[in-house]
Amino acid sequence: MPWLRYVIPSKATRFVEILQTLMVSTDAIMKEHIETFDEKNLRDVADGLIFAEKKYCRNPTKNQEITKSDIFSTLQDFLGAGFDTSSSTLEWIILYLGHYQHIQEKIQKEIDSVIGTRSVSLDDIGKLPFTEATILETQRISPVVPIGIPHATSKDTVLRNYRINRGTVVLCNFYGTTRDSKVWKDPEIFKPERFLNDLGFINSSLENELLTFGAGRRRCPGDFIAKMELFLFLVNIFQKCKIKLISEANFEGIFGLTYSPRSYTIKVFERWKVCCWFFFFSVDNS
């Protein structure tokens, strides 16, 4: 979308700079893996992609060939897609919990009763339903990807009496789906318990209504990793710290390539000591 340089010139320039940095990083990763590649010892996804490229290029068939360009772009997706989205979601979580102290206290009570002072692990996923519901509610009310990445129709398609010609660029309004009053009662209110069923566990059917990671065959492949990251970060932070928002609460985010919160300031206390310490933390999205 080259026209963006005329609409938001500073952000477009910054975005190009980030892309160039990403390309240099990806190129270094590829070179290192190619030089040390051993098909009998696949270390990570980069090795797996190189192995697939060698396998399919030796016996290429229609629609199966994997090129080095495919590997390069896939690694860029892995590096770029998961960083800004996860960090922005965490910024939103801290903002909401810093403002809604009663929700933060409920999360800490749940963490204390289930985990105590030991280190959190991935085995704890499923044991802290209110904590996980808070992550889901944050993703609902402040989706960091408000408009899905562009896709295109591979053939002429009719959807609900709308004709969409082959090759048409299609974007999904994820932000709009999170405000649909037919699905979400009081959609403008931050209410984590909406994701819990009568037994106090995550309501999976309602969770499936949340399109944070897209849907179908083109669903984000990193959703499981992102969920693990957010869970571990949230529990680690609020297990050890009490956070209070000291700037004015402003939940109107900044729309850009992602939907991020405006700059805010918090005060952080260590929970397990009588004498509390604090520091100021300002999230600067400029």
C-alpha atoms as a PDB file:
ATOM      1  CA  MET A   1       0.000   0.000   0.000  1.00  0.00           C
ATOM      2  CA  PRO A   2       2.499   2.658  -1.181  1.00  0.00           C
ATOM      3  CA  TRP A   3      -0.056   5.442  -0.777  1.00  0.00           C
ATOM      4  CA  LEU A   4       0.397   5.195   3.010  1.00  0.00           C
ATOM      5  CA  ARG A   5       3.602   7.242   2.700  1.00  0.00           C
ATOM      6  CA  TYR A   6       1.414  10.252   1.848  1.00  0.00           C
ATOM      7  CA  VAL A   7      -1.182   9.595   4.567  1.00  0.00           C
ATOM      8  CA  ILE A   8       1.100   8.760   7.512  1.00  0.00           C
ATOM      9  CA  PRO A   9       4.608   9.624   6.240  1.00  0.00           C
ATOM     10  CA  SER A  10       6.481   9.330   9.553  1.00  0.00           C
ATOM     11  CA  LYS A  11       4.925   5.978  10.455  1.00  0.00           C
ATOM     12  CA  ALA A  12       5.421   4.643   6.921  1.00  0.00           C
ATOM     13  CA  THR A  13       9.106   5.619   7.008  1.00  0.00           C
ATOM     14  CA  ARG A  14       9.537   4.010  10.419  1.00  0.00           C
ATOM     15  CA  PHE A  15       7.812   0.863   9.173  1.00  0.00           C
ATOM     16  CA  VAL A  16      10.206   0.608   6.205  1.00  0.00           C
ATOM     17  CA  GLU A  17      13.163   0.964   8.594  1.00  0.00           C
ATOM     18  CA  ILE A  18      11.779  -1.862  10.760  1.00  0.00           C
ATOM     19  CA  LEU A  19      11.323  -4.060   7.682  1.00  0.00           C
ATOM     20  CA  GLN A  20      14.917  -3.453   6.625  1.00  0.00           C
ATOM     21  CA  THR A  21      16.146  -4.434  10.100  1.00  0.00           C
ATOM     22  CA  LEU A  22      13.988  -7.541   9.961  1.00  0.00           C
ATOM     23  CA  MET A  23      15.400  -8.505   6.564  1.00  0.00           C
ATOM     24  CA  VAL A  24      18.974  -8.200   7.825  1.00  0.00           C
ATOM     25  CA  SER A  25      18.150 -10.352  10.878  1.00  0.00           C
ATOM     26  CA  THR A  26      16.377 -12.980   8.786  1.00  0.00           C
ATOM     27  CA  ASP A  27      19.237 -13.117   6.299  1.00  0.00           C
ATOM     28  CA  ALA A  28      21.739 -13.713   9.125  1.00  0.00           C
ATOM     29  CA  ILE A  29      19.587 -16.525  10.540  1.00  0.00           C
ATOM     30  CA  MET A  30      19.300 -18.191   7.126  1.00  0.00           C
ATOM     31  CA  LYS A  31      23.026 -18.035   6.437  1.00  0.00           C
ATOM     32  CA  GLU A  32      23.897 -19.473   9.834  1.00  0.00           C
ATOM     33  CA  HIS A  33      21.422 -22.348   9.466  1.00  0.00           C
ATOM     34  CA  ILE A  34      22.441 -23.187   5.894  1.00  0.00           C
ATOM     35  CA  GLU A  35      26.120 -23.321   6.881  1.00  0.00           C
ATOM     36  CA  THR A  36      25.464 -25.614   9.861  1.00  0.00           C
ATOM     37  CA  PHE A  37      22.520 -27.599   8.466  1.00  0.00           C
ATOM     38  CA  ASP A  38      22.343 -31.303   9.326  1.00  0.00           C
ATOM     39  CA  GLU A  39      19.226 -33.120   8.122  1.00  0.00           C
ATOM     40  CA  LYS A  40      19.713 -35.733  10.849  1.00  0.00           C
ATOM     41  CA  ASN A  41      19.573 -33.046  13.535  1.00  0.00           C
ATOM     42  CA  LEU A  42      16.777 -30.569  12.864  1.00  0.00           C
ATOM     43  CA  ARG A  43      17.118 -27.924  15.574  1.00  0.00           C
ATOM     44  CA  ASP A  44      14.236 -25.576  14.904  1.00  0.00           C
ATOM     45  CA  VAL A  45      11.678 -24.343  12.394  1.00  0.00           C
ATOM     46  CA  ALA A  46      14.384 -22.817  10.176  1.00  0.00           C
ATOM     47  CA  ASP A  47      16.046 -26.214   9.821  1.00  0.00           C
ATOM     48  CA  GLY A  48      12.651 -27.758   9.152  1.00  0.00           C
ATOM     49  CA  LEU A  49      11.992 -25.309   6.309  1.00  0.00           C
ATOM     50  CA  ILE A  50      15.427 -25.888   4.783  1.00  0.00           C
ATOM     51  CA  PHE A  51      14.841 -29.649   4.972  1.00  0.00           C
ATOM     52  CA  ALA A  52      11.459 -29.244   3.255  1.00  0.00           C
ATOM     53  CA  GLU A  53      13.046 -27.098   0.533  1.00  0.00           C
ATOM     54  CA  LYS A  54      15.680 -29.735  -0.191  1.00  0.00           C
ATOM     55  CA  LYS A  55      13.105 -32.524  -0.168  1.00  0.00           C
ATOM     56  CA  TYR A  56      10.587 -30.894  -2.486  1.00  0.00           C
ATOM     57  CA  CYS A  57      13.099 -29.287  -4.842  1.00  0.00           C
ATOM     58  CA  ARG A  58      14.643 -32.694  -5.517  1.00  0.00           C
ATOM     59  CA  ASN A  59      11.251 -34.049  -6.551  1.00  0.00           C
ATOM     60  CA  PRO A  60       9.200 -30.969  -7.362  1.00  0.00           C
ATOM     61  CA  THR A  61       5.532 -31.468  -8.085  1.00  0.00           C
ATOM     62  CA  LYS A  62       2.842 -29.000  -8.938  1.00  0.00           C
ATOM     63  CA  ASN A  63       1.962 -26.646  -6.065  1.00  0.00           C
ATOM     64  CA  GLN A  64       4.437 -28.388  -3.738  1.00  0.00           C
ATOM     65  CA  GLU A  65       7.784 -26.771  -4.519  1.00  0.00           C
ATOM     66  CA  ILE A  66       9.241 -24.748  -1.642  1.00  0.00           C
ATOM     67  CA  THR A  67      11.744 -22.074  -2.607  1.00  0.00           C
ATOM     68  CA  LYS A  68      14.337 -20.203  -0.588  1.00  0.00           C
ATOM     69  CA  SER A  69      12.161 -17.130  -1.017  1.00  0.00           C
ATOM     70  CA  ASP A  70       9.324 -19.002   0.722  1.00  0.00           C
ATOM     71  CA  ILE A  71      11.649 -19.880   3.598  1.00  0.00           C
ATOM     72  CA  PHE A  72      12.822 -16.282   3.882  1.00  0.00           C
ATOM     73  CA  SER A  73       9.306 -14.836   4.015  1.00  0.00           C
ATOM     74  CA  THR A  74       8.116 -17.510   6.465  1.00  0.00           C
ATOM     75  CA  LEU A  75      10.967 -16.733   8.857  1.00  0.00           C
ATOM     76  CA  GLN A  76      10.092 -13.038   8.592  1.00  0.00           C
ATOM     77  CA  ASP A  77       6.518 -13.903   9.554  1.00  0.00           C
ATOM     78  CA  PHE A  78       7.752 -15.804  12.614  1.00  0.00           C
ATOM     79  CA  LEU A  79      10.061 -12.982  13.684  1.00  0.00           C
ATOM     80  CA  GLY A  80       7.770 -10.076  12.979  1.00  0.00           C
ATOM     81  CA  ALA A  81       4.236 -11.266  13.658  1.00  0.00           C
ATOM     82  CA  GLY A  82       4.666 -12.391  17.249  1.00  0.00           C
ATOM     83  CA  PHE A  83       6.607  -9.546  18.839  1.00  0.00           C
ATOM     84  CA  ASP A  84       4.579  -6.359  18.499  1.00  0.00           C
ATOM     85  CA  THR A  85       1.226  -8.111  18.912  1.00  0.00           C
ATOM     86  CA  SER A  86       2.210  -9.886  22.147  1.00  0.00           C
ATOM     87  CA  SER A  87       3.914  -6.842  23.669  1.00  0.00           C
ATOM     88  CA  SER A  88       0.963  -4.573  22.815  1.00  0.00           C
ATOM     89  CA  THR A  89      -1.464  -7.091  24.362  1.00  0.00           C
ATOM     90  CA  LEU A  90       0.640  -7.151  27.522  1.00  0.00           C
ATOM     91  CA  GLU A  91       0.627  -3.333  27.624  1.00  0.00           C
ATOM     92  CA  TRP A  92      -3.178  -3.414  27.395  1.00  0.00           C
ATOM     93  CA  ILE A  93      -3.386  -6.023  30.201  1.00  0.00           C
ATOM     94  CA  ILE A  94      -1.215  -3.903  32.513  1.00  0.00           C
ATOM     95  CA  LEU A  95      -3.299  -0.821  31.707  1.00  0.00           C
ATOM     96  CA  TYR A  96      -6.627  -2.524  32.480  1.00  0.00           C
ATOM     97  CA  LEU A  97      -5.438  -4.272  35.627  1.00  0.00           C
ATOM     98  CA  GLY A  98      -3.659  -1.147  36.830  1.00  0.00           C
ATOM     99  CA  HIS A  99      -6.999   0.667  36.614  1.00  0.00           C
ATOM    100  CA  TYR A 100      -9.384  -2.106  37.702  1.00  0.00           C
ATOM    101  CA  GLN A 101      -7.828  -2.958  41.050  1.00  0.00           C
ATOM    102  CA  HIS A 102     -10.592  -5.391  42.054  1.00  0.00           C
ATOM    103  CA  ILE A 103      -9.903  -7.513  38.964  1.00  0.00           C
ATOM    104  CA  GLN A 104      -6.167  -7.462  39.656  1.00  0.00           C
ATOM    105  CA  GLU A 105      -6.785  -8.551  43.264  1.00  0.00           C
ATOM    106  CA  LYS A 106      -9.017 -11.400  42.097  1.00  0.00           C
ATOM    107  CA  ILE A 107      -6.281 -12.617  39.741  1.00  0.00           C
ATOM    108  CA  GLN A 108      -3.685 -12.437  42.518  1.00  0.00           C
ATOM    109  CA  LYS A 109      -5.945 -14.339  44.876  1.00  0.00           C
ATOM    110  CA  GLU A 110      -6.331 -17.072  42.242  1.00  0.00           C
ATOM    111  CA  ILE A 111      -2.573 -17.178  41.639  1.00  0.00           C
ATOM    112  CA  ASP A 112      -1.844 -17.344  45.387  1.00  0.00           C
ATOM    113  CA  SER A 113      -4.294 -20.181  45.962  1.00  0.00           C
ATOM    114  CA  VAL A 114      -3.130 -22.326  43.024  1.00  0.00           C
ATOM    115  CA  ILE A 115       0.563 -21.501  42.571  1.00  0.00           C
ATOM    116  CA  GLY A 116       1.610 -19.724  45.747  1.00  0.00           C
ATOM    117  CA  THR A 117       5.231 -18.586  45.620  1.00  0.00           C
ATOM    118  CA  ARG A 118       6.565 -21.295  43.320  1.00  0.00           C
ATOM    119  CA  SER A 119       7.425 -20.579  39.705  1.00  0.00           C
ATOM    120  CA  VAL A 120       4.594 -20.745  37.217  1.00  0.00           C
ATOM    121  CA  SER A 121       4.823 -23.336  34.425  1.00  0.00           C
ATOM    122  CA  LEU A 122       2.866 -24.277  31.327  1.00  0.00           C
ATOM    123  CA  ASP A 123       1.308 -27.092  33.340  1.00  0.00           C
ATOM    124  CA  ASP A 124      -0.662 -24.392  35.173  1.00  0.00           C
ATOM    125  CA  ILE A 125      -2.618 -23.481  32.045  1.00  0.00           C
ATOM    126  CA  GLY A 126      -6.212 -24.481  32.712  1.00  0.00           C
ATOM    127  CA  LYS A 127      -5.834 -24.118  36.479  1.00  0.00           C
ATOM    128  CA  LEU A 128      -6.271 -20.313  36.528  1.00  0.00           C
ATOM    129  CA  PRO A 129      -9.535 -19.766  34.634  1.00  0.00           C
ATOM    130  CA  PHE A 130     -10.167 -16.180  35.754  1.00  0.00           C
ATOM    131  CA  THR A 131      -6.615 -15.195  34.827  1.00  0.00           C
ATOM    132  CA  GLU A 132      -7.029 -16.747  31.381  1.00  0.00           C
ATOM    133  CA  ALA A 133     -10.454 -15.103  31.025  1.00  0.00           C
ATOM    134  CA  THR A 134      -8.793 -11.731  31.683  1.00  0.00           C
ATOM    135  CA  ILE A 135      -6.384 -12.317  28.802  1.00  0.00           C
ATOM    136  CA  LEU A 136      -9.302 -13.226  26.524  1.00  0.00           C
ATOM    137  CA  GLU A 137     -11.298 -10.165  27.592  1.00  0.00           C
ATOM    138  CA  THR A 138      -8.308  -7.904  26.920  1.00  0.00           C
ATOM    139  CA  GLN A 139      -7.930  -9.400  23.455  1.00  0.00           C
ATOM    140  CA  ARG A 140     -11.639  -8.861  22.864  1.00  0.00           C
ATOM    141  CA  ILE A 141     -12.035  -5.282  24.014  1.00  0.00           C
ATOM    142  CA  SER A 142      -8.652  -4.078  22.673  1.00  0.00           C
ATOM    143  CA  PRO A 143      -7.738  -6.307  19.704  1.00  0.00           C
ATOM    144  CA  VAL A 144      -4.151  -5.522  18.690  1.00  0.00           C
ATOM    145  CA  VAL A 145      -4.934  -6.533  15.105  1.00  0.00           C
ATOM    146  CA  PRO A 146      -8.199  -4.633  14.506  1.00  0.00           C
ATOM    147  CA  ILE A 147      -8.189  -5.245  10.767  1.00  0.00           C
ATOM    148  CA  GLY A 148      -6.924  -8.614   9.601  1.00  0.00           C
ATOM    149  CA  ILE A 149      -4.006  -8.815   7.214  1.00  0.00           C
ATOM    150  CA  PRO A 150      -5.026  -8.721   3.538  1.00  0.00           C
ATOM    151  CA  HIS A 151      -6.097 -11.952   1.890  1.00  0.00           C
ATOM    152  CA  ALA A 152      -7.311 -12.545  -1.666  1.00  0.00           C
ATOM    153  CA  THR A 153      -9.951 -14.803  -3.149  1.00  0.00           C
ATOM    154  CA  SER A 154      -8.500 -17.680  -5.167  1.00  0.00           C
ATOM    155  CA  LYS A 155     -11.665 -18.029  -7.261  1.00  0.00           C
ATOM    156  CA  ASP A 156     -14.956 -16.251  -7.962  1.00  0.00           C
ATOM    157  CA  THR A 157     -16.978 -16.480  -4.769  1.00  0.00           C
ATOM    158  CA  VAL A 158     -20.497 -15.648  -3.587  1.00  0.00           C
ATOM    159  CA  LEU A 159     -20.888 -14.879   0.111  1.00  0.00           C
ATOM    160  CA  ARG A 160     -24.347 -13.970   1.440  1.00  0.00           C
ATOM    161  CA  ASN A 161     -25.451 -12.771  -2.002  1.00  0.00           C
ATOM    162  CA  TYR A 162     -22.294 -10.685  -2.464  1.00  0.00           C
ATOM    163  CA  ARG A 163     -20.226 -11.595  -5.511  1.00  0.00           C
ATOM    164  CA  ILE A 164     -16.471 -11.436  -4.880  1.00  0.00           C
ATOM    165  CA  ASN A 165     -14.366 -11.792  -8.005  1.00  0.00           C
ATOM    166  CA  ARG A 166     -11.218 -13.893  -8.099  1.00  0.00           C
ATOM    167  CA  GLY A 167      -8.174 -11.945  -6.885  1.00  0.00           C
ATOM    168  CA  THR A 168     -10.174  -9.454  -4.814  1.00  0.00           C
ATOM    169  CA  VAL A 169      -8.327  -8.277  -1.690  1.00  0.00           C
ATOM    170  CA  VAL A 170     -10.417  -9.027   1.400  1.00  0.00           C
ATOM    171  CA  LEU A 171      -9.871  -7.770   4.954  1.00  0.00           C
ATOM    172  CA  CYS A 172     -11.782  -8.805   8.072  1.00  0.00           C
ATOM    173  CA  ASN A 173     -12.968  -6.184  10.550  1.00  0.00           C
ATOM    174  CA  PHE A 174     -11.941  -8.000  13.745  1.00  0.00           C
ATOM    175  CA  TYR A 175     -12.559  -4.871  15.792  1.00  0.00           C
ATOM    176  CA  GLY A 176     -16.172  -4.839  14.639  1.00  0.00           C
ATOM    177  CA  THR A 177     -16.699  -8.476  15.612  1.00  0.00           C
ATOM    178  CA  THR A 178     -15.637  -7.708  19.193  1.00  0.00           C
ATOM    179  CA  ARG A 179     -18.351  -5.044  19.449  1.00  0.00           C
ATOM    180  CA  ASP A 180     -21.215  -7.171  18.122  1.00  0.00           C
ATOM    181  CA  SER A 181     -23.962  -6.877  20.755  1.00  0.00           C
ATOM    182  CA  LYS A 182     -25.607 -10.050  19.392  1.00  0.00           C
ATOM    183  CA  VAL A 183     -22.615 -12.025  20.685  1.00  0.00           C
ATOM    184  CA  TRP A 184     -21.253  -9.879  23.526  1.00  0.00           C
ATOM    185  CA  LYS A 185     -23.475  -8.447  26.243  1.00  0.00           C
ATOM    186  CA  ASP A 186     -22.332  -4.917  27.165  1.00  0.00           C
ATOM    187  CA  PRO A 187     -19.430  -5.075  24.696  1.00  0.00           C
ATOM    188  CA  GLU A 188     -17.932  -1.745  25.845  1.00  0.00           C
ATOM    189  CA  ILE A 189     -17.464  -2.973  29.424  1.00  0.00           C
ATOM    190  CA  PHE A 190     -14.283  -4.764  30.543  1.00  0.00           C
ATOM    191  CA  LYS A 191     -15.697  -7.917  32.133  1.00  0.00           C
ATOM    192  CA  PRO A 192     -13.438 -11.025  32.199  1.00  0.00           C
ATOM    193  CA  GLU A 193     -16.087 -13.204  33.848  1.00  0.00           C
ATOM    194  CA  ARG A 194     -18.081 -13.163  30.596  1.00  0.00           C
ATOM    195  CA  PHE A 195     -15.718 -15.924  29.398  1.00  0.00           C
ATOM    196  CA  LEU A 196     -16.486 -18.219  32.351  1.00  0.00           C
ATOM    197  CA  ASN A 197     -19.287 -20.777  32.437  1.00  0.00           C
ATOM    198  CA  ASP A 198     -21.487 -21.643  35.414  1.00  0.00           C
ATOM    199  CA  LEU A 199     -18.797 -23.958  36.791  1.00  0.00           C
ATOM    200  CA  GLY A 200     -16.171 -21.231  36.702  1.00  0.00           C
ATOM    201  CA  PHE A 201     -14.212 -22.632  33.749  1.00  0.00           C
ATOM    202  CA  ILE A 202     -13.521 -21.076  30.353  1.00  0.00           C
ATOM    203  CA  ASN A 203     -16.596 -21.109  28.123  1.00  0.00           C
ATOM    204  CA  SER A 204     -15.034 -22.658  25.002  1.00  0.00           C
ATOM    205  CA  SER A 205     -17.987 -21.841  22.754  1.00  0.00           C
ATOM    206  CA  LEU A 206     -17.722 -18.133  23.578  1.00  0.00           C
ATOM    207  CA  GLU A 207     -13.928 -18.265  23.290  1.00  0.00           C
ATOM    208  CA  ASN A 208     -14.396 -19.527  19.729  1.00  0.00           C
ATOM    209  CA  GLU A 209     -16.347 -16.355  18.924  1.00  0.00           C
ATOM    210  CA  LEU A 210     -13.145 -14.392  19.540  1.00  0.00           C
ATOM    211  CA  LEU A 211     -11.252 -14.002  16.258  1.00  0.00           C
ATOM    212  CA  THR A 212      -7.995 -12.722  17.739  1.00  0.00           C
ATOM    213  CA  PHE A 213      -5.952 -15.117  15.625  1.00  0.00           C
ATOM    214  CA  GLY A 214      -8.269 -15.335  12.651  1.00  0.00           C
ATOM    215  CA  ALA A 215     -10.114 -18.473  11.556  1.00  0.00           C
ATOM    216  CA  GLY A 216      -9.978 -21.316   9.089  1.00  0.00           C
ATOM    217  CA  ARG A 217      -6.954 -22.553   7.142  1.00  0.00           C
ATOM    218  CA  ARG A 218      -5.291 -19.135   7.262  1.00  0.00           C
ATOM    219  CA  ARG A 219      -5.553 -18.862  11.050  1.00  0.00           C
ATOM    220  CA  CYS A 220      -2.404 -17.510  12.703  1.00  0.00           C
ATOM    221  CA  PRO A 221      -0.032 -20.463  13.261  1.00  0.00           C
ATOM    222  CA  GLY A 222       1.473 -18.772  16.309  1.00  0.00           C
ATOM    223  CA  ASP A 223      -1.682 -18.565  18.416  1.00  0.00           C
ATOM    224  CA  PHE A 224      -0.608 -21.349  20.787  1.00  0.00           C
ATOM    225  CA  ILE A 225       2.797 -19.744  21.374  1.00  0.00           C
ATOM    226  CA  ALA A 226       1.216 -16.314  21.938  1.00  0.00           C
ATOM    227  CA  LYS A 227      -1.236 -17.730  24.479  1.00  0.00           C
ATOM    228  CA  MET A 228       1.596 -19.403  26.391  1.00  0.00           C
ATOM    229  CA  GLU A 229       3.692 -16.222  26.365  1.00  0.00           C
ATOM    230  CA  LEU A 230       0.881 -14.008  27.642  1.00  0.00           C
ATOM    231  CA  PHE A 231      -0.074 -16.498  30.346  1.00  0.00           C
ATOM    232  CA  LEU A 232       3.486 -16.803  31.655  1.00  0.00           C
ATOM    233  CA  PHE A 233       4.121 -13.041  31.524  1.00  0.00           C
ATOM    234  CA  LEU A 234       0.865 -12.119  33.246  1.00  0.00           C
ATOM    235  CA  VAL A 235       1.205 -14.666  36.060  1.00  0.00           C
ATOM    236  CA  ASN A 236       4.877 -13.859  36.670  1.00  0.00           C
ATOM    237  CA  ILE A 237       4.224 -10.117  36.844  1.00  0.00           C
ATOM    238  CA  PHE A 238       1.139 -10.141  39.057  1.00  0.00           C
ATOM    239  CA  GLN A 239       2.352 -12.979  41.256  1.00  0.00           C
ATOM    240  CA  LYS A 240       5.229 -10.756  42.384  1.00  0.00           C
ATOM    241  CA  CYS A 241       3.922  -7.229  41.845  1.00  0.00           C
ATOM    242  CA  LYS A 242       0.969  -5.019  42.585  1.00  0.00           C
ATOM    243  CA  ILE A 243       0.453  -2.424  39.875  1.00  0.00           C
ATOM    244  CA  LYS A 244      -1.489   0.810  40.136  1.00  0.00           C
ATOM    245  CA  LEU A 245      -2.259   3.166  37.276  1.00  0.00           C
ATOM    246  CA  ILE A 246      -1.364   6.714  38.363  1.00  0.00           C
ATOM    247  CA  SER A 247      -2.004   8.520  35.086  1.00  0.00           C
ATOM    248  CA  GLU A 248      -5.512   9.151  33.822  1.00  0.00           C
ATOM    249  CA  ALA A 249      -7.143   6.003  32.455  1.00  0.00           C
ATOM    250  CA  ASN A 250      -7.489   6.279  28.696  1.00  0.00           C
ATOM    251  CA  PHE A 251      -8.693   3.175  26.915  1.00  0.00           C
ATOM    252  CA  GLU A 252      -8.881   4.782  23.475  1.00  0.00           C
ATOM    253  CA  GLY A 253      -5.939   3.219  21.688  1.00  0.00           C
ATOM    254  CA  ILE A 254      -3.885   4.274  18.703  1.00  0.00           C
ATOM    255  CA  PHE A 255      -4.893   2.716  15.404  1.00  0.00           C
ATOM    256  CA  GLY A 256      -1.937   1.837  13.219  1.00  0.00           C
ATOM    257  CA  LEU A 257      -0.468  -1.372  11.917  1.00  0.00           C
ATOM    258  CA  THR A 258      -1.513  -2.616  15.350  1.00  0.00           C
ATOM    259  CA  TYR A 259      -3.928  -1.213  17.921  1.00  0.00           C
ATOM    260  CA  SER A 260      -1.803  -0.112  20.876  1.00  0.00           C
ATOM    261  CA  PRO A 261      -2.531   1.849  24.081  1.00  0.00           C
ATOM    262  CA  ARG A 262      -1.542   5.457  24.509  1.00  0.00           C
ATOM    263  CA  SER A 263       1.330   6.323  26.834  1.00  0.00           C
ATOM    264  CA  TYR A 264       0.510   5.759  30.505  1.00  0.00           C
ATOM    265  CA  THR A 265       2.325   5.689  33.846  1.00  0.00           C
ATOM    266  CA  ILE A 266       2.090   3.019  36.534  1.00  0.00           C
ATOM    267  CA  LYS A 267       3.350   2.528  40.062  1.00  0.00           C
ATOM    268  CA  VAL A 268       4.691  -0.938  40.905  1.00  0.00           C
ATOM    269  CA  PHE A 269       4.880  -2.469  44.399  1.00  0.00           C
ATOM    270  CA  GLU A 270       6.601  -5.679  45.408  1.00  0.00           C
ATOM    271  CA  ARG A 271       3.877  -7.838  46.925  1.00  0.00           C
ATOM    272  CA  TRP A 272       5.871 -10.011  49.318  1.00  0.00           C
ATOM    273  CA  LYS A 273       7.529  -7.288  51.372  1.00  0.00           C
ATOM    274  CA  VAL A 274       6.025  -4.955  53.946  1.00  0.00           C
ATOM    275  CA  CYS A 275       8.192  -2.075  52.743  1.00  0.00           C
ATOM    276  CA  CYS A 276       7.082  -1.450  49.214  1.00  0.00           C
ATOM    277  CA  TRP A 277       9.221   0.044  46.483  1.00  0.00           C
ATOM    278  CA  PHE A 278       7.977   1.634  43.320  1.00  0.00           C
ATOM    279  CA  PHE A 279       9.084   2.882  39.964  1.00  0.00           C
ATOM    280  CA  PHE A 280       7.362   4.720  37.172  1.00  0.00           C
ATOM    281  CA  PHE A 281       6.813   2.967  33.899  1.00  0.00           C
ATOM    282  CA  SER A 282       5.728   4.891  30.871  1.00  0.00           C
ATOM    283  CA  VAL A 283       4.658   3.139  27.703  1.00  0.00           C
ATOM    284  CA  ASP A 284       5.617   5.368  24.817  1.00  0.00           C
ATOM    285  CA  ASN A 285       3.992   4.470  21.516  1.00  0.00           C
ATOM    286  CA  SER A 286       5.268   7.449  19.579  1.00  0.00           C
END
